Amino acid sequence: MPENKYNTIIVGGGIAGLTSAAYLSRAGQKVLLIEKNKECGGLVNSFTRDGFHFDAGVRALEDAGIIFPMLKDLGIHLDVVKSKVSLGIENDILHIEDLNSLTEYRDLLKKTFPESEGEIDDVIRIIRKIMKYMDVLYGIENPVFKDLKHDREFIFKKLLPWLPKFIFTVGKINRMNMPVEDYLKTIVKNPSLRDIISQHFFKNTPTFFALSYFSLYLDYFYPKGGVGKLPEAIKNKISEFGGEIKTETKIIEVLADRSLLKDQNNITYQYDNLIWAADLKTLYKITETEGLLPKIKTAFEKSKSLMLKNRGGDSVYSLFLGIDEPLESFRKIAKGHFFYTPSKTGLGETHRGELDYILNNFELTEKKQILAWLDKFTRLNTYEISVPGLKDPELVPPGKTGIIISFLAEYDLFNLIQKAGWYDEFISELEDRVLKVISDSVYPMLKEKIITRFSFSPLSIENRVGSSEGAIVGWSFQKSMPVINKIQYSDRSVLTPVPSIYQAGQWAYSPAGVPMSILTGKLAAEKALKKSVQKKIT
């Protein structure tokens, strides 16, 4: 086989692309994984700054019946610890330990909103029901990662008894597909209570996905050394299996009729199969379809139109801090993964109506009006706070603490401010306000002890990961989905209109987190392998 010709080329070295490459190289294919950055991992990534270890994307991982089976199947050992979660509203903090913590969460909500006791009971009842559905959904190791030809015990003792429950549960889940904000309006009259429950989640998140998070909190784990240890372990397996990885390489053109890729240096690569595990809008923008059969070309153009009409989901802003304060000071307050809301008022229209007005009238909006909105937004928001050293003390210098403070953020606002020429000023103002809110409330020790401070915005994510609108879990829930978004059809999510091109990762399926990215990576690899076998036979 010529040097630049491969059985399968995977574009995108995030967790989906790494998974595809690992399985295909293990199967003996000549595989090339192409990644535009210096390192692989995408949104599952870690780095060190000034001696402090930080996680650049996800702060913890949930198994979901997928990650651990994948690791076992590939022969990967990963040292992990439980990533325990705390929830806080104003001065009250709940440490989630087990299923009984849901009762404590109910009591916390009732203490905060005593006028809404009945509505809180209704919400908790629904969360309990969803947790039972989650037990079914992820109740067994995902069969995609099992050797079903030889593991008869798994088939008869686990898979077959589970399937009827799964089918029944999927029906229930699909009936809870409406946006969580709209769903909560039908049972909760108190707008602040609705906000406190829902502002953890992306805009218009389907109800089942949003209210299942209490189950996910109990499932979180953390690799020792940081979340970046997961992609690092898979990358090592690819090399062990003989796969090739090429980093700092950006694909600028896909010549679909000739099965060729071209990179930024005009080097071309030929493939039998292509798995696109990067941003899907980019695939449809750079693919040349001249020479394809008219039927395929028409289908591709139709999908392209649908993709480009839609947009990525919410993005995130993260503030990274190195603190001259020992871990013990933070351990006394909350766990290493902490969801905190400093005000029970809730965001209300701050992150919706008021922000939409600013975005739609940006040229007429003065800087001081945007900063006044920012004051309110940072005071009323919910923050995801991660302290890596509380999960693994080796990740910080002795006597010090690294902390990551994140919240969901609107890409368009940062983009408009950058175009207006005051991006750096805005970032500084935002950092100052976040620090003030958090140090005036839950972590007063932040005020005088910061020794390292920097942040990543939605534009940072777009530039590094390449995701449309800096999205962190794929497509926006605010419009119709241009991809599969029902779990019973997940095997179809990897197909594109071009028979030799498959898609995987965050943007191939929505909602998508790390487990779904791994699953689509494996499914895409299976399709490519099956096609290669059929080609040999014919």
Protein backbone atom coordinates (compact mmCIF):
# COMPACT_ATOMS: atom_id res chain seq x y z
CA MET A 1 0.00 0.00 0.00
CA PRO A 2 1.48 3.45 -0.93
CA GLU A 3 2.80 5.53 1.97
CA ASN A 4 -0.08 8.05 1.98
CA LYS A 5 -2.84 5.51 1.32
CA TYR A 6 -4.77 4.15 4.29
CA ASN A 7 -7.61 1.72 4.95
CA THR A 8 -9.14 4.36 7.23
CA ILE A 9 -8.23 7.95 8.00
CA ILE A 10 -9.72 9.57 11.09
CA VAL A 11 -9.84 13.37 11.24
CA GLY A 12 -10.08 14.75 14.77
CA GLY A 13 -8.06 13.47 17.71
CA GLY A 14 -10.69 14.04 20.36
CA ILE A 15 -12.07 11.14 22.36
CA ALA A 16 -14.27 9.89 19.48
CA GLY A 17 -11.46 9.90 16.93
CA LEU A 18 -9.07 8.21 19.36
CA THR A 19 -11.64 5.48 20.02
CA SER A 20 -12.12 4.83 16.28
CA ALA A 21 -8.37 4.72 15.69
CA ALA A 22 -7.78 2.32 18.58
CA TYR A 23 -10.36 -0.21 17.38
CA LEU A 24 -9.38 -0.01 13.71
CA SER A 25 -5.64 -0.33 14.39
CA ARG A 26 -6.32 -3.26 16.74
CA ALA A 27 -8.20 -4.93 13.87
CA GLY A 28 -5.06 -4.71 11.73
CA GLN A 29 -6.06 -1.86 9.44
CA LYS A 30 -3.58 0.70 8.18
CA VAL A 31 -4.88 3.70 10.11
CA LEU A 32 -3.98 7.38 10.23
CA LEU A 33 -5.37 9.73 12.88
CA ILE A 34 -4.99 13.43 11.96
CA GLU A 35 -5.26 16.12 14.66
CA LYS A 36 -4.87 19.86 14.08
CA ASN A 37 -3.48 20.60 17.56
CA LYS A 38 -0.15 19.57 19.07
CA GLU A 39 -1.92 17.23 21.51
CA CYS A 40 -4.94 14.93 21.24
CA GLY A 41 -7.95 14.85 23.54
CA GLY A 42 -10.12 17.75 22.38
CA LEU A 43 -12.46 18.67 25.23
CA VAL A 44 -11.01 15.86 27.34
CA ASN A 45 -7.70 17.47 28.09
CA SER A 46 -5.39 18.56 30.91
CA PHE A 47 -2.46 20.98 31.16
CA THR A 48 -0.08 22.50 33.72
CA ARG A 49 0.52 26.20 34.37
CA ASP A 50 2.91 27.56 37.02
CA GLY A 51 2.97 24.19 38.77
CA PHE A 52 -0.85 23.93 38.93
CA HIS A 53 -2.62 21.14 37.05
CA PHE A 54 -5.91 22.09 35.34
CA ASP A 55 -8.51 20.27 33.23
CA ALA A 56 -9.19 22.26 30.07
CA GLY A 57 -12.55 20.73 29.16
CA VAL A 58 -14.66 18.29 31.16
CA ARG A 59 -13.97 18.32 34.91
CA ALA A 60 -14.92 14.69 35.56
CA LEU A 61 -16.16 11.67 33.61
CA GLU A 62 -19.25 9.50 33.91
CA ASP A 63 -19.11 5.85 32.92
CA ALA A 64 -22.69 5.50 31.56
CA GLY A 65 -22.03 1.81 30.92
CA ILE A 66 -19.56 2.81 28.18
CA ILE A 67 -16.19 4.13 29.40
CA PHE A 68 -15.17 1.26 31.69
CA PRO A 69 -16.30 -1.45 29.20
CA MET A 70 -14.30 0.34 26.47
CA LEU A 71 -11.19 0.48 28.66
CA LYS A 72 -11.55 -3.20 29.57
CA ASP A 73 -12.09 -4.20 25.95
CA LEU A 74 -8.95 -2.34 24.82
CA GLY A 75 -6.86 -3.64 27.73
CA ILE A 76 -6.36 -0.20 29.28
CA HIS A 77 -5.83 0.24 33.02
CA LEU A 78 -6.68 3.68 34.36
CA ASP A 79 -6.28 4.64 38.02
CA VAL A 80 -9.45 6.47 39.01
CA VAL A 81 -11.12 7.93 42.09
CA LYS A 82 -14.73 8.88 42.74
CA SER A 83 -15.38 12.51 41.88
CA LYS A 84 -17.75 13.49 44.64
CA VAL A 85 -20.14 16.38 44.07
CA SER A 86 -21.46 19.17 46.30
CA LEU A 87 -24.45 21.43 45.54
CA GLY A 88 -24.78 24.86 47.11
CA ILE A 89 -27.39 27.62 47.21
CA GLU A 90 -26.30 30.78 49.00
CA ASN A 91 -24.98 29.69 52.44
CA ASP A 92 -26.27 26.10 52.34
CA ILE A 93 -24.13 23.32 50.87
CA LEU A 94 -25.16 19.70 50.32
CA HIS A 95 -22.59 16.93 49.84
CA ILE A 96 -23.98 14.21 47.58
CA GLU A 97 -23.01 10.77 48.90
CA ASP A 98 -25.66 8.34 47.66
CA LEU A 99 -29.31 8.02 46.65
CA ASN A 100 -30.40 9.29 50.06
CA SER A 101 -28.85 12.64 49.19
CA LEU A 102 -31.88 13.32 46.98
CA THR A 103 -33.94 13.65 50.15
CA GLU A 104 -31.39 16.16 51.47
CA TYR A 105 -31.61 18.04 48.17
CA ARG A 106 -35.39 18.22 48.59
CA ASP A 107 -34.90 19.58 52.12
CA LEU A 108 -32.40 22.15 50.86
CA LEU A 109 -34.86 23.36 48.23
CA LYS A 110 -37.66 23.53 50.82
CA LYS A 111 -35.47 25.52 53.19
CA THR A 112 -34.63 27.93 50.36
CA PHE A 113 -38.17 28.13 48.96
CA PRO A 114 -40.54 27.30 51.89
CA GLU A 115 -43.50 28.71 49.95
CA SER A 116 -43.09 26.02 47.26
CA GLU A 117 -43.02 22.77 49.28
CA GLY A 118 -45.65 20.97 47.20
CA GLU A 119 -44.00 21.88 43.91
CA ILE A 120 -40.62 20.73 45.23
CA ASP A 121 -42.12 17.35 46.18
CA ASP A 122 -43.46 17.05 42.61
CA VAL A 123 -40.04 17.82 41.11
CA ILE A 124 -38.26 15.33 43.39
CA ARG A 125 -40.83 12.67 42.50
CA ILE A 126 -40.03 13.20 38.80
CA ILE A 127 -36.27 13.10 39.44
CA ARG A 128 -36.69 9.78 41.30
CA LYS A 129 -38.61 8.38 38.35
CA ILE A 130 -35.90 9.52 35.93
CA MET A 131 -33.22 7.97 38.15
CA LYS A 132 -35.01 4.63 37.80
CA TYR A 133 -35.00 5.09 34.03
CA MET A 134 -31.26 5.84 34.20
CA ASP A 135 -30.70 2.63 36.16
CA VAL A 136 -32.22 0.75 33.23
CA LEU A 137 -30.54 2.80 30.51
CA TYR A 138 -27.04 2.29 31.91
CA GLY A 139 -27.85 -0.83 33.90
CA ILE A 140 -25.53 -3.12 31.94
CA GLU A 141 -22.24 -2.76 30.13
CA ASN A 142 -23.01 -1.37 26.69
CA PRO A 143 -23.26 -4.37 24.31
CA VAL A 144 -21.29 -2.51 21.63
CA PHE A 145 -18.15 -3.12 23.73
CA LYS A 146 -18.85 -6.80 24.41
CA ASP A 147 -17.79 -9.83 22.35
CA LEU A 148 -21.32 -11.08 21.72
CA LYS A 149 -20.16 -14.00 19.57
CA HIS A 150 -18.36 -15.61 22.49
CA ASP A 151 -19.88 -14.13 25.66
CA ARG A 152 -23.03 -16.24 25.88
CA GLU A 153 -23.35 -15.66 29.60
CA PHE A 154 -23.63 -11.91 29.04
CA ILE A 155 -26.23 -12.42 26.31
CA PHE A 156 -28.53 -14.74 28.26
CA LYS A 157 -28.06 -13.48 31.80
CA LYS A 158 -27.84 -9.74 31.16
CA LEU A 159 -28.62 -8.57 27.63
CA LEU A 160 -31.82 -10.48 26.87
CA PRO A 161 -33.50 -9.76 30.26
CA TRP A 162 -32.48 -6.09 29.88
CA LEU A 163 -33.79 -5.47 26.34
CA PRO A 164 -37.56 -5.35 27.14
CA LYS A 165 -36.88 -2.94 30.02
CA PHE A 166 -34.74 -0.81 27.71
CA ILE A 167 -37.45 -0.62 25.01
CA PHE A 168 -40.07 0.32 27.63
CA THR A 169 -37.76 2.95 29.17
CA VAL A 170 -36.87 4.55 25.82
CA GLY A 171 -40.58 5.11 25.21
CA LYS A 172 -40.86 6.89 28.56
CA ILE A 173 -37.74 8.97 27.85
CA ASN A 174 -39.03 10.11 24.46
CA ARG A 175 -42.16 11.48 26.12
CA MET A 176 -39.90 13.76 28.21
CA ASN A 177 -38.19 15.38 25.25
CA MET A 178 -39.61 18.89 25.71
CA PRO A 179 -37.30 21.69 26.96
CA VAL A 180 -36.79 21.50 30.71
CA GLU A 181 -37.76 25.17 31.17
CA ASP A 182 -41.16 24.53 29.53
CA TYR A 183 -41.66 21.29 31.44
CA LEU A 184 -40.93 22.92 34.79
CA LYS A 185 -43.44 25.69 34.04
CA THR A 186 -46.18 23.06 34.06
CA ILE A 187 -45.42 22.03 37.66
CA VAL A 188 -43.50 24.93 39.26
CA LYS A 189 -45.05 28.40 39.52
CA ASN A 190 -42.14 29.97 41.42
CA PRO A 191 -39.78 31.37 38.71
CA SER A 192 -36.78 31.48 41.06
CA LEU A 193 -37.20 27.81 41.97
CA ARG A 194 -37.45 26.93 38.28
CA ASP A 195 -34.23 28.82 37.62
CA ILE A 196 -32.31 27.22 40.47
CA ILE A 197 -33.23 23.78 39.12
CA SER A 198 -32.73 24.51 35.41
CA GLN A 199 -29.90 27.04 35.09
CA HIS A 200 -27.29 24.28 35.49
CA PHE A 201 -28.25 23.15 31.99
CA PHE A 202 -27.98 24.26 28.39
CA LYS A 203 -30.83 26.33 26.95
CA ASN A 204 -33.81 24.15 26.01
CA THR A 205 -32.15 20.95 27.26
CA PRO A 206 -34.64 18.03 26.94
CA THR A 207 -36.26 17.35 30.31
CA PHE A 208 -34.99 13.80 30.64
CA PHE A 209 -31.40 14.80 29.94
CA ALA A 210 -31.56 17.73 32.39
CA LEU A 211 -33.28 16.03 35.32
CA SER A 212 -31.14 12.90 35.01
CA TYR A 213 -28.14 14.79 36.33
CA PHE A 214 -28.63 13.71 39.93
CA SER A 215 -27.88 10.16 38.75
CA LEU A 216 -24.83 11.37 36.86
CA TYR A 217 -23.47 13.12 39.96
CA LEU A 218 -23.29 9.70 41.61
CA ASP A 219 -21.54 8.24 38.55
CA TYR A 220 -18.73 10.80 38.24
CA PHE A 221 -15.15 9.57 38.44
CA TYR A 222 -11.77 11.22 37.94
CA PRO A 223 -8.58 9.69 36.53
CA LYS A 224 -5.57 10.17 38.79
CA GLY A 225 -3.38 12.73 37.07
CA GLY A 226 -6.38 14.48 35.48
CA VAL A 227 -8.97 13.80 32.78
CA GLY A 228 -6.23 14.04 30.16
CA LYS A 229 -5.03 10.62 31.27
CA LEU A 230 -7.96 9.03 29.39
CA PRO A 231 -7.02 10.25 25.88
CA GLU A 232 -3.34 9.69 26.70
CA ALA A 233 -4.04 6.02 27.51
CA ILE A 234 -6.04 5.48 24.29
CA LYS A 235 -3.36 7.25 22.24
CA ASN A 236 -0.73 4.89 23.66
CA LYS A 237 -2.87 1.91 22.66
CA ILE A 238 -3.14 3.20 19.08
CA SER A 239 0.67 3.30 18.88
CA GLU A 240 0.88 -0.16 20.45
CA PHE A 241 -1.54 -1.50 17.82
CA GLY A 242 0.51 0.04 15.00
CA GLY A 243 -1.75 3.00 14.21
CA GLU A 244 -0.24 6.26 12.98
CA ILE A 245 -0.99 9.65 14.55
CA LYS A 246 -0.17 12.94 12.85
CA THR A 247 -0.64 16.12 14.90
CA GLU A 248 -0.43 19.84 14.04
CA THR A 249 -2.06 18.97 10.72
CA LYS A 250 -5.23 20.66 9.49
CA ILE A 251 -7.35 19.14 6.73
CA ILE A 252 -8.49 21.92 4.38
CA GLU A 253 -10.21 19.90 1.64
CA VAL A 254 -12.02 16.58 1.19
CA LEU A 255 -12.18 15.35 -2.42
CA ALA A 256 -14.95 12.82 -1.89
CA ASP A 257 -15.11 11.47 -5.45
CA ARG A 258 -11.40 10.52 -5.33
CA SER A 259 -11.27 9.58 -1.62
CA LEU A 260 -8.54 12.15 -1.00
CA LEU A 261 -7.77 14.59 1.80
CA LYS A 262 -5.57 17.67 1.50
CA ASP A 263 -3.84 19.36 4.45
CA GLN A 264 -2.58 22.91 5.01
CA ASN A 265 0.75 22.01 3.40
CA ASN A 266 -0.99 20.65 0.27
CA ILE A 267 -0.02 17.10 1.22
CA THR A 268 -2.68 14.61 0.06
CA TYR A 269 -3.80 11.40 1.75
CA GLN A 270 -5.88 8.63 0.17
CA TYR A 271 -8.42 6.59 2.12
CA ASP A 272 -10.77 3.69 1.62
CA ASN A 273 -12.86 4.98 4.53
CA LEU A 274 -12.90 8.37 6.24
CA ILE A 275 -14.17 8.90 9.79
CA TRP A 276 -14.76 12.59 10.48
CA ALA A 277 -14.52 13.06 14.24
CA ALA A 278 -14.18 16.84 14.14
CA ASP A 279 -16.67 19.69 13.66
CA LEU A 280 -19.38 18.61 11.22
CA LYS A 281 -19.98 22.06 9.73
CA THR A 282 -16.33 22.06 8.68
CA LEU A 283 -16.72 18.69 6.94
CA TYR A 284 -19.67 19.93 4.90
CA LYS A 285 -17.95 23.23 4.07
CA ILE A 286 -14.70 21.72 2.77
CA THR A 287 -16.00 18.62 0.96
CA GLU A 288 -15.95 18.70 -2.83
CA THR A 289 -18.69 16.47 -4.27
CA GLU A 290 -18.12 16.89 -8.02
CA GLY A 291 -17.79 13.46 -9.57
CA LEU A 292 -20.06 11.71 -7.07
CA LEU A 293 -23.26 10.01 -8.24
CA PRO A 294 -26.08 12.61 -8.59
CA LYS A 295 -28.15 10.85 -5.92
CA ILE A 296 -25.29 11.01 -3.38
CA LYS A 297 -24.44 14.58 -4.31
CA THR A 298 -28.05 15.72 -3.84
CA ALA A 299 -28.31 13.99 -0.46
CA PHE A 300 -25.00 15.55 0.64
CA GLU A 301 -26.14 19.06 -0.37
CA LYS A 302 -29.39 18.56 1.52
CA SER A 303 -27.50 17.52 4.68
CA LYS A 304 -25.07 20.42 4.19
CA SER A 305 -27.92 22.92 4.06
CA LEU A 306 -29.40 21.48 7.25
CA MET A 307 -26.03 21.50 9.08
CA LEU A 308 -25.17 25.08 8.16
CA LYS A 309 -28.64 26.34 9.15
CA ASN A 310 -28.19 25.01 12.68
CA ARG A 311 -25.68 26.08 15.29
CA GLY A 312 -23.58 24.62 18.05
CA GLY A 313 -25.00 24.45 21.56
CA ASP A 314 -24.01 26.57 24.54
CA SER A 315 -20.38 27.23 25.19
CA VAL A 316 -18.55 27.76 28.48
CA TYR A 317 -16.34 30.35 30.14
CA SER A 318 -13.69 29.11 32.60
CA LEU A 319 -11.56 31.06 35.06
CA PHE A 320 -8.38 29.28 36.22
CA LEU A 321 -6.80 30.27 39.52
CA GLY A 322 -3.72 29.28 41.47
CA ILE A 323 -4.27 30.06 45.17
CA ASP A 324 -1.69 30.42 47.95
CA GLU A 325 -3.93 28.47 50.32
CA PRO A 326 -3.82 24.77 51.29
CA LEU A 327 -6.32 22.26 49.97
CA GLU A 328 -7.69 21.71 53.47
CA SER A 329 -9.29 25.18 53.47
CA PHE A 330 -11.34 24.22 50.41
CA ARG A 331 -12.03 20.66 51.61
CA LYS A 332 -13.87 22.09 54.65
CA ILE A 333 -16.34 23.85 52.34
CA ALA A 334 -17.15 21.53 49.42
CA LYS A 335 -16.08 18.49 47.42
CA GLY A 336 -13.74 18.74 44.45
CA HIS A 337 -16.69 19.07 42.03
CA PHE A 338 -19.05 21.78 43.22
CA PHE A 339 -22.17 23.32 41.64
CA TYR A 340 -22.80 26.61 43.39
CA THR A 341 -25.51 29.27 43.04
CA PRO A 342 -24.71 32.40 45.12
CA SER A 343 -28.25 33.82 44.93
CA LYS A 344 -31.60 32.05 45.16
CA THR A 345 -33.14 34.76 42.96
CA GLY A 346 -32.17 32.91 39.78
CA LEU A 347 -31.19 34.34 36.42
CA GLY A 348 -34.74 34.91 35.20
CA GLU A 349 -34.56 36.74 31.88
CA THR A 350 -30.93 37.81 32.45
CA HIS A 351 -29.50 35.00 30.31
CA ARG A 352 -32.38 34.97 27.86
CA GLY A 353 -34.54 38.03 27.15
CA GLU A 354 -32.05 40.66 28.33
CA LEU A 355 -29.10 38.99 26.62
CA ASP A 356 -31.07 38.46 23.41
CA TYR A 357 -31.91 42.18 23.40
CA ILE A 358 -28.19 43.06 23.73
CA LEU A 359 -27.24 40.65 20.94
CA ASN A 360 -29.97 41.89 18.59
CA ASN A 361 -29.20 45.56 19.30
CA PHE A 362 -25.47 45.36 19.90
CA GLU A 363 -24.48 48.39 17.82
CA LEU A 364 -26.95 50.55 19.77
CA THR A 365 -25.92 49.19 23.18
CA GLU A 366 -23.36 51.18 25.18
CA LYS A 367 -20.46 49.47 26.91
CA LYS A 368 -21.76 50.54 30.34
CA GLN A 369 -25.10 48.82 29.62
CA ILE A 370 -23.31 45.56 28.79
CA LEU A 371 -21.24 45.80 31.97
CA ALA A 372 -24.39 46.51 34.02
CA TRP A 373 -25.93 43.37 32.54
CA LEU A 374 -22.70 41.51 33.36
CA ASP A 375 -22.98 42.60 37.03
CA LYS A 376 -26.41 41.01 37.26
CA PHE A 377 -25.48 37.93 35.25
CA THR A 378 -22.48 37.06 37.44
CA ARG A 379 -24.41 37.66 40.69
CA LEU A 380 -27.33 35.39 39.76
CA ASN A 381 -25.58 32.64 37.81
CA THR A 382 -24.77 29.03 38.73
CA TYR A 383 -21.08 28.05 38.75
CA GLU A 384 -19.38 24.73 38.23
CA ILE A 385 -16.30 24.81 40.46
CA SER A 386 -13.57 22.18 40.18
CA VAL A 387 -10.66 21.73 42.59
CA PRO A 388 -8.44 19.06 40.97
CA GLY A 389 -6.24 18.77 44.08
CA LEU A 390 -9.18 17.53 46.17
CA LYS A 391 -9.41 14.55 43.81
CA ASP A 392 -5.66 14.04 43.44
CA PRO A 393 -3.35 16.02 45.78
CA GLU A 394 -0.43 15.43 43.40
CA LEU A 395 -1.94 17.99 41.02
CA VAL A 396 -0.94 21.08 43.02
CA PRO A 397 2.25 22.45 44.62
CA PRO A 398 2.45 21.74 48.38
CA GLY A 399 0.33 24.12 50.46
CA LYS A 400 -1.45 25.56 47.42
CA THR A 401 -4.71 24.99 45.54
CA GLY A 402 -5.74 25.18 41.88
CA ILE A 403 -9.37 26.03 41.16
CA ILE A 404 -11.47 26.23 37.99
CA ILE A 405 -14.68 28.32 38.01
CA SER A 406 -16.93 27.80 34.98
CA PHE A 407 -20.37 28.76 33.72
CA LEU A 408 -22.38 28.41 30.52
CA ALA A 409 -21.67 31.32 28.19
CA GLU A 410 -23.04 32.77 24.96
CA TYR A 411 -20.55 32.61 22.09
CA ASP A 412 -22.21 35.43 20.14
CA LEU A 413 -21.64 37.95 22.93
CA PHE A 414 -17.89 37.28 23.07
CA ASN A 415 -17.71 37.30 19.28
CA LEU A 416 -19.45 40.68 18.97
CA ILE A 417 -17.31 42.20 21.71
CA GLN A 418 -14.15 40.99 19.99
CA LYS A 419 -15.28 42.57 16.72
CA ALA A 420 -16.05 45.80 18.62
CA GLY A 421 -12.42 45.89 19.81
CA TRP A 422 -12.74 45.61 23.59
CA TYR A 423 -12.46 41.84 24.13
CA ASP A 424 -9.46 41.97 26.50
CA GLU A 425 -11.16 44.64 28.59
CA PHE A 426 -14.36 42.60 28.74
CA ILE A 427 -12.47 39.46 29.83
CA SER A 428 -10.75 41.43 32.61
CA GLU A 429 -14.10 42.88 33.76
CA LEU A 430 -15.65 39.41 33.70
CA GLU A 431 -12.81 37.85 35.70
CA ASP A 432 -13.06 40.63 38.30
CA ARG A 433 -16.81 40.15 38.71
CA VAL A 434 -16.63 36.35 38.99
CA LEU A 435 -13.90 36.64 41.60
CA LYS A 436 -15.90 39.17 43.58
CA VAL A 437 -19.06 37.03 43.55
CA ILE A 438 -17.26 33.85 44.62
CA SER A 439 -14.97 35.50 47.21
CA ASP A 440 -17.88 37.47 48.71
CA SER A 441 -19.83 34.24 49.15
CA VAL A 442 -18.43 30.72 49.35
CA TYR A 443 -14.63 31.12 49.10
CA PRO A 444 -13.58 34.30 51.00
CA MET A 445 -9.93 33.14 50.95
CA LEU A 446 -9.69 34.02 47.25
CA LYS A 447 -9.53 37.77 47.88
CA GLU A 448 -5.85 38.20 48.72
CA LYS A 449 -4.20 34.91 47.78
CA ILE A 450 -4.36 34.57 43.99
CA ILE A 451 -0.94 33.88 42.47
CA THR A 452 -2.04 32.64 39.01
CA ARG A 453 -5.07 33.88 37.05
CA PHE A 454 -6.21 33.39 33.43
CA SER A 455 -9.35 32.34 31.57
CA PHE A 456 -10.71 30.57 28.48
CA SER A 457 -13.77 31.96 26.67
CA PRO A 458 -16.06 30.43 24.01
CA LEU A 459 -13.70 31.94 21.42
CA SER A 460 -10.79 30.08 23.03
CA ILE A 461 -12.73 26.82 22.67
CA GLU A 462 -13.62 27.55 19.05
CA ASN A 463 -9.99 28.34 18.20
CA ARG A 464 -8.53 25.31 19.95
CA VAL A 465 -11.13 22.58 19.49
CA GLY A 466 -12.59 23.91 16.24
CA SER A 467 -16.20 23.43 17.31
CA SER A 468 -18.85 25.63 15.72
CA GLU A 469 -19.80 28.50 18.03
CA GLY A 470 -17.44 27.09 20.66
CA ALA A 471 -20.06 24.46 21.53
CA ILE A 472 -19.15 21.88 24.16
CA VAL A 473 -21.85 19.21 23.66
CA GLY A 474 -22.76 19.46 20.01
CA TRP A 475 -25.86 21.03 18.56
CA SER A 476 -28.11 23.65 20.12
CA PHE A 477 -31.38 22.38 21.55
CA GLN A 478 -33.09 25.61 20.44
CA LYS A 479 -33.61 24.47 16.85
CA SER A 480 -34.40 21.21 15.11
CA MET A 481 -31.51 18.77 15.31
CA PRO A 482 -29.53 18.13 12.10
CA VAL A 483 -28.32 14.81 13.57
CA ILE A 484 -29.68 11.75 15.36
CA ASN A 485 -30.83 12.53 18.91
CA LYS A 486 -32.67 9.40 20.00
CA ILE A 487 -30.63 6.68 21.64
CA GLN A 488 -32.43 3.79 19.92
CA TYR A 489 -31.15 5.13 16.58
CA SER A 490 -27.58 5.84 17.72
CA ASP A 491 -26.11 3.30 15.27
CA ARG A 492 -27.39 5.47 12.40
CA SER A 493 -25.79 8.60 13.82
CA VAL A 494 -22.42 7.76 12.23
CA LEU A 495 -23.70 7.59 8.65
CA THR A 496 -23.31 10.40 6.11
CA PRO A 497 -24.72 10.64 2.56
CA VAL A 498 -21.29 9.57 1.19
CA PRO A 499 -20.89 5.76 1.66
CA SER A 500 -17.14 5.94 2.37
CA ILE A 501 -17.42 8.78 4.92
CA TYR A 502 -18.61 8.30 8.51
CA GLN A 503 -19.03 10.82 11.33
CA ALA A 504 -18.36 10.48 15.05
CA GLY A 505 -18.15 12.57 18.19
CA GLN A 506 -19.91 15.45 19.88
CA TRP A 507 -21.51 16.74 16.70
CA ALA A 508 -22.62 13.37 15.33
CA TYR A 509 -25.21 12.82 18.06
CA SER A 510 -26.99 15.20 20.41
CA PRO A 511 -27.00 15.43 23.38
CA ALA A 512 -23.46 14.13 23.47
CA GLY A 513 -20.96 13.87 26.29
CA VAL A 514 -17.79 11.82 26.57
CA PRO A 515 -19.59 8.41 26.69
CA MET A 516 -21.61 9.18 23.55
CA SER A 517 -18.48 10.38 21.77
CA ILE A 518 -16.79 7.09 22.62
CA LEU A 519 -19.85 5.13 21.50
CA THR A 520 -20.07 6.91 18.13
CA GLY A 521 -16.32 6.46 17.67
CA LYS A 522 -16.73 2.70 18.15
CA LEU A 523 -19.83 2.52 15.92
CA ALA A 524 -18.05 4.40 13.12
CA ALA A 525 -15.09 2.02 13.40
CA GLU A 526 -17.45 -0.97 13.12
CA LYS A 527 -19.03 0.46 9.96
CA ALA A 528 -15.60 1.04 8.40
CA LEU A 529 -14.46 -2.50 9.30
CA LYS A 530 -17.63 -4.06 7.93
CA LYS A 531 -17.23 -2.17 4.66
CA SER A 532 -13.60 -3.27 4.37
CA VAL A 533 -14.60 -6.92 4.86
CA GLN A 534 -17.36 -6.62 2.23
CA LYS A 535 -14.88 -5.03 -0.19
CA LYS A 536 -12.46 -7.96 0.28
CA ILE A 537 -15.25 -10.48 -0.34
CA THR A 538 -16.35 -8.78 -3.56
